[in-house]
Amino acid sequence: MDAGTQERPRRVALLIAVALFVVVADVISKAIVVATMADHPPIRLLGGALTITLTRNGGAAFSIGTSMTIVFTAIALGVVIYILRTARNLRSIGWAIALGLLLGGATGNLLDRIFRAPGLFQGHVVDWIQLPDWPVFNLADSAIVCAGVLVVLLALRGIRMDGTKPARESA
């Protein structure tokens, strides 16, 4: 067994561990917020730099497409399936973390879309973190954004999912 074959299970395990951490943190935080903030006014923290408020979002980011919840559910399901299939070629720690963050974030919001009101596969995502001049979001959304930033950094450094960099062309 070569080193690359041995690395793959560890990278996939890292991806799954990061995704599970994100999903658990997202589910627990949403459960706490739903249980405690349902009839509570927003809570301002850090001099208003952070506000905890309960909102439900039937659309995508920034409440775009609120009437298309089923479409966003299908897209999230596609992302989850794609990441799980892509994991077979994973040998990069950075990509394992990025894809784990993306998988966890997509799964956290997908669980809301599947199981929350108003109905099966049409649920509204629970958002609860608000920064000044920014829409309300949740931990799953944060993980997705962090994954995006990490993907850009990995791409800029030329690191592929298999851990290699493209060969430099000689002039």
C-alpha atoms as a PDB file:
ATOM      1  CA  MET A   1       0.000   0.000   0.000  1.00  0.00           C
ATOM      2  CA  ASP A   2       1.528   3.321  -1.032  1.00  0.00           C
ATOM      3  CA  ALA A   3       1.553   6.463   1.147  1.00  0.00           C
ATOM      4  CA  GLY A   4      -1.209   8.117  -0.911  1.00  0.00           C
ATOM      5  CA  THR A   5      -3.534   5.181  -0.334  1.00  0.00           C
ATOM      6  CA  GLN A   6      -2.842   5.339   3.411  1.00  0.00           C
ATOM      7  CA  GLU A   7      -3.432   9.114   3.548  1.00  0.00           C
ATOM      8  CA  ARG A   8      -6.849   8.957   1.891  1.00  0.00           C
ATOM      9  CA  PRO A   9      -8.733   7.335   4.814  1.00  0.00           C
ATOM     10  CA  ARG A  10      -7.213   9.863   7.246  1.00  0.00           C
ATOM     11  CA  ARG A  11      -8.201  12.805   5.049  1.00  0.00           C
ATOM     12  CA  VAL A  12     -11.735  11.422   4.636  1.00  0.00           C
ATOM     13  CA  ALA A  13     -11.930  10.886   8.407  1.00  0.00           C
ATOM     14  CA  LEU A  14     -10.859  14.514   8.920  1.00  0.00           C
ATOM     15  CA  LEU A  15     -13.501  15.690   6.432  1.00  0.00           C
ATOM     16  CA  ILE A  16     -16.204  13.679   8.259  1.00  0.00           C
ATOM     17  CA  ALA A  17     -15.014  14.865  11.701  1.00  0.00           C
ATOM     18  CA  VAL A  18     -15.119  18.531  10.647  1.00  0.00           C
ATOM     19  CA  ALA A  19     -18.555  18.048   9.056  1.00  0.00           C
ATOM     20  CA  LEU A  20     -19.918  16.296  12.162  1.00  0.00           C
ATOM     21  CA  PHE A  21     -18.571  19.049  14.416  1.00  0.00           C
ATOM     22  CA  VAL A  22     -20.258  21.720  12.286  1.00  0.00           C
ATOM     23  CA  VAL A  23     -23.581  19.828  12.131  1.00  0.00           C
ATOM     24  CA  VAL A  24     -23.642  19.162  15.885  1.00  0.00           C
ATOM     25  CA  ALA A  25     -22.726  22.773  16.745  1.00  0.00           C
ATOM     26  CA  ASP A  26     -25.321  24.081  14.279  1.00  0.00           C
ATOM     27  CA  VAL A  27     -28.131  21.775  15.465  1.00  0.00           C
ATOM     28  CA  ILE A  28     -27.456  22.459  19.156  1.00  0.00           C
ATOM     29  CA  SER A  29     -27.176  26.226  18.684  1.00  0.00           C
ATOM     30  CA  LYS A  30     -30.424  26.339  16.680  1.00  0.00           C
ATOM     31  CA  ALA A  31     -32.226  24.203  19.280  1.00  0.00           C
ATOM     32  CA  ILE A  32     -31.113  26.553  22.066  1.00  0.00           C
ATOM     33  CA  VAL A  33     -32.096  29.661  20.130  1.00  0.00           C
ATOM     34  CA  VAL A  34     -35.502  28.272  19.111  1.00  0.00           C
ATOM     35  CA  ALA A  35     -36.202  27.178  22.707  1.00  0.00           C
ATOM     36  CA  THR A  36     -35.127  30.439  24.348  1.00  0.00           C
ATOM     37  CA  MET A  37     -35.720  33.191  21.782  1.00  0.00           C
ATOM     38  CA  ALA A  38     -39.197  32.353  20.400  1.00  0.00           C
ATOM     39  CA  ASP A  39     -40.941  35.059  22.451  1.00  0.00           C
ATOM     40  CA  HIS A  40     -37.876  37.062  23.362  1.00  0.00           C
ATOM     41  CA  PRO A  41     -36.681  40.362  21.893  1.00  0.00           C
ATOM     42  CA  PRO A  42     -33.240  40.398  20.244  1.00  0.00           C
ATOM     43  CA  ILE A  43     -30.269  40.355  22.627  1.00  0.00           C
ATOM     44  CA  ARG A  44     -27.589  42.946  21.886  1.00  0.00           C
ATOM     45  CA  LEU A  45     -24.053  41.966  22.863  1.00  0.00           C
ATOM     46  CA  LEU A  46     -20.651  43.643  22.628  1.00  0.00           C
ATOM     47  CA  GLY A  47     -22.148  47.114  22.376  1.00  0.00           C
ATOM     48  CA  GLY A  48     -24.353  46.081  19.462  1.00  0.00           C
ATOM     49  CA  ALA A  49     -21.537  44.482  17.455  1.00  0.00           C
ATOM     50  CA  LEU A  50     -23.406  41.165  17.804  1.00  0.00           C
ATOM     51  CA  THR A  51     -27.125  40.605  18.179  1.00  0.00           C
ATOM     52  CA  ILE A  52     -28.827  37.292  18.856  1.00  0.00           C
ATOM     53  CA  THR A  53     -32.230  37.198  17.203  1.00  0.00           C
ATOM     54  CA  LEU A  54     -34.463  34.429  15.905  1.00  0.00           C
ATOM     55  CA  THR A  55     -35.497  34.515  12.265  1.00  0.00           C
ATOM     56  CA  ARG A  56     -36.609  31.837   9.843  1.00  0.00           C
ATOM     57  CA  ASN A  57     -35.448  31.933   6.252  1.00  0.00           C
ATOM     58  CA  GLY A  58     -37.301  30.065   3.513  1.00  0.00           C
ATOM     59  CA  GLY A  59     -34.867  31.224   0.854  1.00  0.00           C
ATOM     60  CA  ALA A  60     -31.139  31.201   0.275  1.00  0.00           C
ATOM     61  CA  ALA A  61     -28.546  33.702   1.464  1.00  0.00           C
ATOM     62  CA  PHE A  62     -29.995  37.145   2.161  1.00  0.00           C
ATOM     63  CA  SER A  63     -33.518  35.623   1.931  1.00  0.00           C
ATOM     64  CA  ILE A  64     -33.267  35.387  -1.867  1.00  0.00           C
ATOM     65  CA  GLY A  65     -35.814  33.049  -3.458  1.00  0.00           C
ATOM     66  CA  THR A  66     -38.085  32.515  -0.468  1.00  0.00           C
ATOM     67  CA  SER A  67     -40.645  30.737  -2.656  1.00  0.00           C
ATOM     68  CA  MET A  68     -38.034  28.245  -3.954  1.00  0.00           C
ATOM     69  CA  THR A  69     -37.263  26.290  -0.772  1.00  0.00           C
ATOM     70  CA  ILE A  70     -37.598  22.926  -2.529  1.00  0.00           C
ATOM     71  CA  VAL A  71     -35.016  24.022  -5.132  1.00  0.00           C
ATOM     72  CA  PHE A  72     -32.532  24.983  -2.408  1.00  0.00           C
ATOM     73  CA  THR A  73     -33.194  21.652  -0.702  1.00  0.00           C
ATOM     74  CA  ALA A  74     -32.316  19.818  -3.924  1.00  0.00           C
ATOM     75  CA  ILE A  75     -29.188  21.932  -4.432  1.00  0.00           C
ATOM     76  CA  ALA A  76     -28.002  21.257  -0.870  1.00  0.00           C
ATOM     77  CA  LEU A  77     -28.615  17.541  -1.334  1.00  0.00           C
ATOM     78  CA  GLY A  78     -26.587  17.658  -4.559  1.00  0.00           C
ATOM     79  CA  VAL A  79     -23.707  19.403  -2.763  1.00  0.00           C
ATOM     80  CA  VAL A  80     -23.690  16.744  -0.039  1.00  0.00           C
ATOM     81  CA  ILE A  81     -23.640  13.918  -2.600  1.00  0.00           C
ATOM     82  CA  TYR A  82     -20.911  15.621  -4.650  1.00  0.00           C
ATOM     83  CA  ILE A  83     -18.664  16.099  -1.613  1.00  0.00           C
ATOM     84  CA  LEU A  84     -19.091  12.489  -0.516  1.00  0.00           C
ATOM     85  CA  ARG A  85     -18.198  11.265  -4.018  1.00  0.00           C
ATOM     86  CA  THR A  86     -15.240  13.656  -4.301  1.00  0.00           C
ATOM     87  CA  ALA A  87     -13.831  12.471  -0.971  1.00  0.00           C
ATOM     88  CA  ARG A  88     -12.536   9.325  -2.679  1.00  0.00           C
ATOM     89  CA  ASN A  89      -9.704  11.350  -4.256  1.00  0.00           C
ATOM     90  CA  LEU A  90      -8.896  13.441  -1.204  1.00  0.00           C
ATOM     91  CA  ARG A  91      -5.294  13.597   0.006  1.00  0.00           C
ATOM     92  CA  SER A  92      -4.991  17.237   1.078  1.00  0.00           C
ATOM     93  CA  ILE A  93      -5.564  18.325   4.689  1.00  0.00           C
ATOM     94  CA  GLY A  94      -6.648  21.794   3.543  1.00  0.00           C
ATOM     95  CA  TRP A  95      -9.195  20.388   1.107  1.00  0.00           C
ATOM     96  CA  ALA A  96     -10.422  17.911   3.748  1.00  0.00           C
ATOM     97  CA  ILE A  97     -11.106  20.812   6.124  1.00  0.00           C
ATOM     98  CA  ALA A  98     -12.698  22.971   3.404  1.00  0.00           C
ATOM     99  CA  LEU A  99     -14.957  20.184   2.177  1.00  0.00           C
ATOM    100  CA  GLY A 100     -15.780  19.196   5.772  1.00  0.00           C
ATOM    101  CA  LEU A 101     -16.877  22.769   6.523  1.00  0.00           C
ATOM    102  CA  LEU A 102     -18.947  22.858   3.337  1.00  0.00           C
ATOM    103  CA  LEU A 103     -20.476  19.429   3.989  1.00  0.00           C
ATOM    104  CA  GLY A 104     -21.314  20.317   7.591  1.00  0.00           C
ATOM    105  CA  GLY A 105     -22.812  23.675   6.657  1.00  0.00           C
ATOM    106  CA  ALA A 106     -24.857  22.275   3.790  1.00  0.00           C
ATOM    107  CA  THR A 107     -26.072  19.409   5.986  1.00  0.00           C
ATOM    108  CA  GLY A 108     -26.999  21.704   8.878  1.00  0.00           C
ATOM    109  CA  ASN A 109     -29.188  23.872   6.673  1.00  0.00           C
ATOM    110  CA  LEU A 110     -30.489  20.830   4.774  1.00  0.00           C
ATOM    111  CA  LEU A 111     -31.754  19.331   8.040  1.00  0.00           C
ATOM    112  CA  ASP A 112     -33.773  22.518   8.628  1.00  0.00           C
ATOM    113  CA  ARG A 113     -35.178  22.409   5.101  1.00  0.00           C
ATOM    114  CA  ILE A 114     -36.182  18.762   5.488  1.00  0.00           C
ATOM    115  CA  PHE A 115     -37.601  18.751   9.016  1.00  0.00           C
ATOM    116  CA  ARG A 116     -38.706  22.256  10.058  1.00  0.00           C
ATOM    117  CA  ALA A 117     -42.001  24.049   9.447  1.00  0.00           C
ATOM    118  CA  PRO A 118     -43.836  24.733   7.242  1.00  0.00           C
ATOM    119  CA  GLY A 119     -43.414  21.157   5.990  1.00  0.00           C
ATOM    120  CA  LEU A 120     -41.263  18.263   4.896  1.00  0.00           C
ATOM    121  CA  PHE A 121     -38.595  19.385   2.375  1.00  0.00           C
ATOM    122  CA  GLN A 122     -39.981  22.942   2.559  1.00  0.00           C
ATOM    123  CA  GLY A 123     -38.710  23.968   5.993  1.00  0.00           C
ATOM    124  CA  HIS A 124     -37.322  27.355   6.816  1.00  0.00           C
ATOM    125  CA  VAL A 125     -33.734  27.620   8.032  1.00  0.00           C
ATOM    126  CA  VAL A 126     -33.240  29.013  11.540  1.00  0.00           C
ATOM    127  CA  ASP A 127     -30.929  32.037  11.513  1.00  0.00           C
ATOM    128  CA  TRP A 128     -29.864  33.770  14.711  1.00  0.00           C
ATOM    129  CA  ILE A 129     -26.553  35.644  14.441  1.00  0.00           C
ATOM    130  CA  GLN A 130     -26.709  39.273  13.375  1.00  0.00           C
ATOM    131  CA  LEU A 131     -23.836  41.659  12.791  1.00  0.00           C
ATOM    132  CA  PRO A 132     -24.311  45.365  12.026  1.00  0.00           C
ATOM    133  CA  ASP A 133     -25.390  46.000   8.429  1.00  0.00           C
ATOM    134  CA  TRP A 134     -25.428  42.281   7.632  1.00  0.00           C
ATOM    135  CA  PRO A 135     -28.281  39.768   7.220  1.00  0.00           C
ATOM    136  CA  VAL A 136     -28.993  37.289  10.011  1.00  0.00           C
ATOM    137  CA  PHE A 137     -27.154  33.950   9.622  1.00  0.00           C
ATOM    138  CA  ASN A 138     -26.277  30.758  11.548  1.00  0.00           C
ATOM    139  CA  LEU A 139     -23.275  28.534  12.256  1.00  0.00           C
ATOM    140  CA  ALA A 140     -23.898  26.439   9.117  1.00  0.00           C
ATOM    141  CA  ASP A 141     -23.774  29.591   7.003  1.00  0.00           C
ATOM    142  CA  SER A 142     -20.525  30.606   8.729  1.00  0.00           C
ATOM    143  CA  ALA A 143     -18.992  27.216   7.960  1.00  0.00           C
ATOM    144  CA  ILE A 144     -19.981  27.538   4.297  1.00  0.00           C
ATOM    145  CA  VAL A 145     -18.373  30.985   4.056  1.00  0.00           C
ATOM    146  CA  CYS A 146     -15.201  29.761   5.795  1.00  0.00           C
ATOM    147  CA  ALA A 147     -15.096  26.831   3.354  1.00  0.00           C
ATOM    148  CA  GLY A 148     -15.369  29.251   0.438  1.00  0.00           C
ATOM    149  CA  VAL A 149     -12.493  31.370   1.735  1.00  0.00           C
ATOM    150  CA  LEU A 150     -10.351  28.272   2.273  1.00  0.00           C
ATOM    151  CA  VAL A 151     -11.143  26.964  -1.228  1.00  0.00           C
ATOM    152  CA  VAL A 152     -10.028  30.289  -2.724  1.00  0.00           C
ATOM    153  CA  LEU A 153      -6.786  30.211  -0.692  1.00  0.00           C
ATOM    154  CA  LEU A 154      -6.076  26.612  -1.725  1.00  0.00           C
ATOM    155  CA  ALA A 155      -6.777  27.466  -5.367  1.00  0.00           C
ATOM    156  CA  LEU A 156      -4.523  30.523  -5.219  1.00  0.00           C
ATOM    157  CA  ARG A 157      -1.740  28.355  -3.817  1.00  0.00           C
ATOM    158  CA  GLY A 158      -2.370  25.807  -6.580  1.00  0.00           C
ATOM    159  CA  ILE A 159      -3.128  22.947  -4.195  1.00  0.00           C
ATOM    160  CA  ARG A 160      -5.307  20.241  -5.721  1.00  0.00           C
ATOM    161  CA  MET A 161      -7.601  17.880  -3.831  1.00  0.00           C
ATOM    162  CA  ASP A 162      -5.105  15.078  -4.278  1.00  0.00           C
ATOM    163  CA  GLY A 163      -2.530  17.237  -2.467  1.00  0.00           C
ATOM    164  CA  THR A 164      -0.417  17.943  -5.540  1.00  0.00           C
ATOM    165  CA  LYS A 165       0.481  21.220  -7.190  1.00  0.00           C
ATOM    166  CA  PRO A 166       0.616  21.671 -10.943  1.00  0.00           C
ATOM    167  CA  ALA A 167       4.076  21.259 -12.427  1.00  0.00           C
ATOM    168  CA  ARG A 168       5.738  24.570 -13.147  1.00  0.00           C
ATOM    169  CA  GLU A 169       6.408  25.192 -16.793  1.00  0.00           C
ATOM    170  CA  SER A 170       9.972  26.128 -17.638  1.00  0.00           C
ATOM    171  CA  ALA A 171      10.464  29.236 -19.719  1.00  0.00           C
END
